[in-house]
Amino acid sequence: MVTFGRMSPTIFREGGFRFYFFSREEPRMHVHVQSQNGEAKFWLEPRIQLAQHDSLSQREINEALRLVQEHENDIRDAWRKHFPS
C-alpha cells in the first residue's frame, strides 16, 4: 500500500513499523521507519545501511533492517514513483 500525493507517503506497514518517505528531503535514496518506540532512517544507496536512529532498541533496528532488505525492490519502486526524475 503506497499512499502518494502526501508529504510523507507510507510505502507499507509491517511488524509494528511504518515505512515512509519525506517529500522534501535529500535526494539520496533512503527510507524512514517508525515504530511506537522511535524511528530510524536507512540508506538504500550505495548499499542498505542504517543512517541514524532515535530511541529504537538494537532488536528493533535489526528487525527494521531485515524488513528494508526484504522489501528493497518495493521501496525502490515506490521511491521512483514518488520522486520521478
N, C-alpha and C. Protein backbone atom coordinates (compact mmCIF):
# COMPACT_ATOMS: atom_id res chain seq x y z
N MET A 1 0.84 -1.18 0.00
CA MET A 1 0.00 0.00 0.00
C MET A 1 0.88 1.24 0.00
N VAL A 2 0.89 1.99 -1.07
CA VAL A 2 1.62 3.24 -1.12
C VAL A 2 0.60 4.36 -1.22
N THR A 3 0.73 5.34 -0.35
CA THR A 3 -0.16 6.48 -0.35
C THR A 3 0.61 7.66 -0.91
N PHE A 4 0.43 7.95 -2.21
CA PHE A 4 1.14 9.05 -2.84
C PHE A 4 0.33 10.34 -2.72
N GLY A 5 0.97 11.44 -3.11
CA GLY A 5 0.31 12.73 -3.08
C GLY A 5 0.33 13.35 -1.69
N ARG A 6 1.13 12.81 -0.81
CA ARG A 6 1.24 13.33 0.55
C ARG A 6 2.68 13.73 0.79
N MET A 7 2.91 14.52 1.82
CA MET A 7 4.26 14.97 2.16
C MET A 7 5.13 13.83 2.69
N SER A 8 4.53 12.86 3.35
CA SER A 8 5.30 11.71 3.83
C SER A 8 4.52 10.44 3.54
N PRO A 9 4.57 9.99 2.27
CA PRO A 9 3.78 8.83 1.87
C PRO A 9 4.25 7.54 2.54
N THR A 10 3.28 6.75 2.97
CA THR A 10 3.57 5.45 3.56
C THR A 10 3.75 4.44 2.44
N ILE A 11 4.85 3.70 2.49
CA ILE A 11 5.12 2.67 1.50
C ILE A 11 4.44 1.38 1.92
N PHE A 12 4.66 0.98 3.19
CA PHE A 12 3.97 -0.18 3.74
C PHE A 12 4.11 -0.17 5.25
N ARG A 13 3.32 -1.01 5.89
CA ARG A 13 3.38 -1.21 7.33
C ARG A 13 3.55 -2.71 7.57
N GLU A 14 4.45 -3.03 8.49
CA GLU A 14 4.66 -4.44 8.82
C GLU A 14 5.40 -4.53 10.15
N GLY A 15 5.03 -5.52 10.95
CA GLY A 15 5.73 -5.78 12.20
C GLY A 15 5.74 -4.64 13.18
N GLY A 16 4.70 -3.81 13.15
CA GLY A 16 4.65 -2.66 14.04
C GLY A 16 5.43 -1.45 13.56
N PHE A 17 5.91 -1.51 12.32
CA PHE A 17 6.67 -0.40 11.73
C PHE A 17 5.91 0.22 10.58
N ARG A 18 6.12 1.52 10.41
CA ARG A 18 5.65 2.24 9.22
C ARG A 18 6.88 2.64 8.42
N PHE A 19 6.88 2.34 7.13
CA PHE A 19 7.98 2.67 6.23
C PHE A 19 7.49 3.79 5.31
N TYR A 20 8.24 4.89 5.24
CA TYR A 20 7.75 6.07 4.53
C TYR A 20 8.89 6.94 4.04
N PHE A 21 8.53 7.94 3.20
CA PHE A 21 9.46 8.95 2.71
C PHE A 21 9.01 10.31 3.22
N PHE A 22 9.95 11.25 3.25
CA PHE A 22 9.64 12.67 3.39
C PHE A 22 9.78 13.26 2.00
N SER A 23 8.81 14.02 1.57
CA SER A 23 8.81 14.53 0.21
C SER A 23 9.87 15.60 -0.06
N ARG A 24 10.22 16.37 0.94
CA ARG A 24 11.18 17.45 0.71
C ARG A 24 12.44 17.21 1.53
N GLU A 25 13.16 16.22 1.15
CA GLU A 25 14.38 15.88 1.85
C GLU A 25 15.47 15.62 0.83
N GLU A 26 16.60 15.15 1.26
CA GLU A 26 17.74 14.93 0.39
C GLU A 26 17.45 13.94 -0.73
N PRO A 27 18.19 14.05 -1.84
CA PRO A 27 17.91 13.20 -3.00
C PRO A 27 18.46 11.77 -2.92
N ARG A 28 19.38 11.49 -2.00
CA ARG A 28 19.95 10.14 -1.88
C ARG A 28 18.84 9.17 -1.44
N MET A 29 18.72 8.05 -2.15
CA MET A 29 17.62 7.12 -1.89
C MET A 29 17.71 6.54 -0.48
N HIS A 30 16.62 6.69 0.27
CA HIS A 30 16.55 6.21 1.64
C HIS A 30 15.10 6.00 2.04
N VAL A 31 14.89 5.40 3.20
CA VAL A 31 13.55 5.19 3.72
C VAL A 31 13.56 5.45 5.23
N HIS A 32 12.48 6.02 5.71
CA HIS A 32 12.30 6.23 7.14
C HIS A 32 11.44 5.11 7.69
N VAL A 33 11.71 4.73 8.93
CA VAL A 33 10.98 3.65 9.60
C VAL A 33 10.57 4.16 10.97
N GLN A 34 9.30 4.00 11.29
CA GLN A 34 8.78 4.49 12.57
C GLN A 34 8.07 3.36 13.30
N SER A 35 8.30 3.29 14.60
CA SER A 35 7.56 2.36 15.47
C SER A 35 7.03 3.17 16.63
N GLN A 36 6.33 2.52 17.52
CA GLN A 36 5.80 3.24 18.68
C GLN A 36 6.93 3.70 19.61
N ASN A 37 8.12 3.12 19.48
CA ASN A 37 9.23 3.46 20.37
C ASN A 37 10.22 4.47 19.81
N GLY A 38 10.20 4.69 18.50
CA GLY A 38 11.16 5.61 17.91
C GLY A 38 11.16 5.49 16.41
N GLU A 39 12.27 5.94 15.82
CA GLU A 39 12.35 5.91 14.37
C GLU A 39 13.79 5.75 13.91
N ALA A 40 13.92 5.43 12.63
CA ALA A 40 15.24 5.25 12.02
C ALA A 40 15.18 5.66 10.57
N LYS A 41 16.35 5.84 10.00
CA LYS A 41 16.48 6.16 8.59
C LYS A 41 17.54 5.21 8.03
N PHE A 42 17.21 4.58 6.90
CA PHE A 42 18.13 3.66 6.24
C PHE A 42 18.45 4.16 4.85
N TRP A 43 19.76 4.23 4.53
CA TRP A 43 20.18 4.49 3.17
C TRP A 43 19.91 3.25 2.34
N LEU A 44 19.57 3.44 1.07
CA LEU A 44 19.46 2.33 0.14
C LEU A 44 20.61 2.33 -0.85
N GLU A 45 21.33 3.44 -0.92
CA GLU A 45 22.46 3.55 -1.85
C GLU A 45 23.66 4.14 -1.13
N PRO A 46 24.85 3.69 -1.38
CA PRO A 46 25.19 2.68 -2.37
C PRO A 46 24.81 1.26 -1.93
N ARG A 47 24.54 1.09 -0.62
CA ARG A 47 24.05 -0.20 -0.12
C ARG A 47 23.14 0.09 1.06
N ILE A 48 22.35 -0.86 1.45
CA ILE A 48 21.44 -0.67 2.58
C ILE A 48 22.25 -0.60 3.87
N GLN A 49 22.04 0.50 4.61
CA GLN A 49 22.70 0.65 5.90
C GLN A 49 21.95 1.67 6.74
N LEU A 50 22.10 1.54 8.04
CA LEU A 50 21.46 2.46 8.97
C LEU A 50 22.13 3.82 8.87
N ALA A 51 21.33 4.86 8.66
CA ALA A 51 21.86 6.23 8.60
C ALA A 51 21.80 6.86 9.98
N GLN A 52 20.69 6.67 10.68
CA GLN A 52 20.50 7.23 12.02
C GLN A 52 19.28 6.59 12.66
N HIS A 53 19.20 6.73 13.98
CA HIS A 53 18.02 6.24 14.68
C HIS A 53 17.83 7.02 15.96
N ASP A 54 16.63 6.96 16.48
CA ASP A 54 16.29 7.64 17.72
C ASP A 54 15.36 6.75 18.53
N SER A 55 15.83 6.29 19.68
CA SER A 55 15.03 5.56 20.67
C SER A 55 14.63 4.15 20.28
N LEU A 56 15.23 3.57 19.26
CA LEU A 56 14.94 2.18 18.92
C LEU A 56 15.97 1.27 19.58
N SER A 57 15.52 0.12 20.04
CA SER A 57 16.45 -0.87 20.59
C SER A 57 17.21 -1.54 19.45
N GLN A 58 18.28 -2.22 19.77
CA GLN A 58 19.04 -2.93 18.75
C GLN A 58 18.18 -3.99 18.07
N ARG A 59 17.31 -4.64 18.83
CA ARG A 59 16.41 -5.64 18.27
C ARG A 59 15.48 -5.00 17.23
N GLU A 60 14.94 -3.81 17.55
CA GLU A 60 14.05 -3.11 16.60
C GLU A 60 14.82 -2.66 15.36
N ILE A 61 16.03 -2.19 15.55
CA ILE A 61 16.85 -1.78 14.40
C ILE A 61 17.11 -2.98 13.50
N ASN A 62 17.46 -4.11 14.10
CA ASN A 62 17.73 -5.31 13.31
C ASN A 62 16.48 -5.77 12.56
N GLU A 63 15.33 -5.71 13.21
CA GLU A 63 14.09 -6.13 12.55
C GLU A 63 13.72 -5.16 11.43
N ALA A 64 13.87 -3.87 11.67
CA ALA A 64 13.59 -2.88 10.63
C ALA A 64 14.53 -3.08 9.44
N LEU A 65 15.80 -3.32 9.72
CA LEU A 65 16.78 -3.57 8.65
C LEU A 65 16.39 -4.81 7.85
N ARG A 66 15.98 -5.86 8.53
CA ARG A 66 15.57 -7.08 7.84
C ARG A 66 14.40 -6.79 6.90
N LEU A 67 13.44 -5.99 7.38
CA LEU A 67 12.27 -5.67 6.56
C LEU A 67 12.64 -4.76 5.39
N VAL A 68 13.54 -3.83 5.60
CA VAL A 68 14.01 -2.99 4.48
C VAL A 68 14.67 -3.88 3.43
N GLN A 69 15.50 -4.82 3.86
CA GLN A 69 16.15 -5.72 2.91
C GLN A 69 15.13 -6.59 2.18
N GLU A 70 14.16 -7.08 2.93
CA GLU A 70 13.13 -7.95 2.34
C GLU A 70 12.27 -7.21 1.31
N HIS A 71 12.02 -5.93 1.55
CA HIS A 71 11.15 -5.13 0.69
C HIS A 71 11.92 -4.11 -0.16
N GLU A 72 13.21 -4.34 -0.33
CA GLU A 72 14.04 -3.38 -1.04
C GLU A 72 13.48 -3.00 -2.41
N ASN A 73 13.08 -3.96 -3.20
CA ASN A 73 12.56 -3.65 -4.54
C ASN A 73 11.29 -2.83 -4.48
N ASP A 74 10.40 -3.13 -3.54
CA ASP A 74 9.17 -2.35 -3.38
C ASP A 74 9.48 -0.91 -2.98
N ILE A 75 10.45 -0.75 -2.08
CA ILE A 75 10.82 0.59 -1.62
C ILE A 75 11.43 1.38 -2.79
N ARG A 76 12.31 0.74 -3.54
CA ARG A 76 12.93 1.42 -4.69
C ARG A 76 11.88 1.81 -5.75
N ASP A 77 10.94 0.92 -6.01
CA ASP A 77 9.87 1.23 -6.97
C ASP A 77 9.02 2.40 -6.47
N ALA A 78 8.69 2.39 -5.19
CA ALA A 78 7.89 3.48 -4.62
C ALA A 78 8.66 4.80 -4.67
N TRP A 79 9.97 4.75 -4.43
CA TRP A 79 10.81 5.96 -4.50
C TRP A 79 10.75 6.55 -5.91
N ARG A 80 10.92 5.69 -6.90
CA ARG A 80 10.94 6.17 -8.30
C ARG A 80 9.59 6.76 -8.70
N LYS A 81 8.51 6.22 -8.18
CA LYS A 81 7.16 6.77 -8.47
C LYS A 81 6.95 8.10 -7.76
N HIS A 82 7.44 8.19 -6.52
CA HIS A 82 7.24 9.42 -5.74
C HIS A 82 8.18 10.53 -6.16
N PHE A 83 9.39 10.18 -6.56
CA PHE A 83 10.41 11.15 -6.96
C PHE A 83 10.83 10.90 -8.41
N PRO A 84 9.94 11.16 -9.37
CA PRO A 84 10.31 10.91 -10.77
C PRO A 84 11.44 11.82 -11.20
N SER A 85 12.34 11.31 -12.04
CA SER A 85 13.48 12.12 -12.49
C SER A 85 13.10 12.95 -13.68
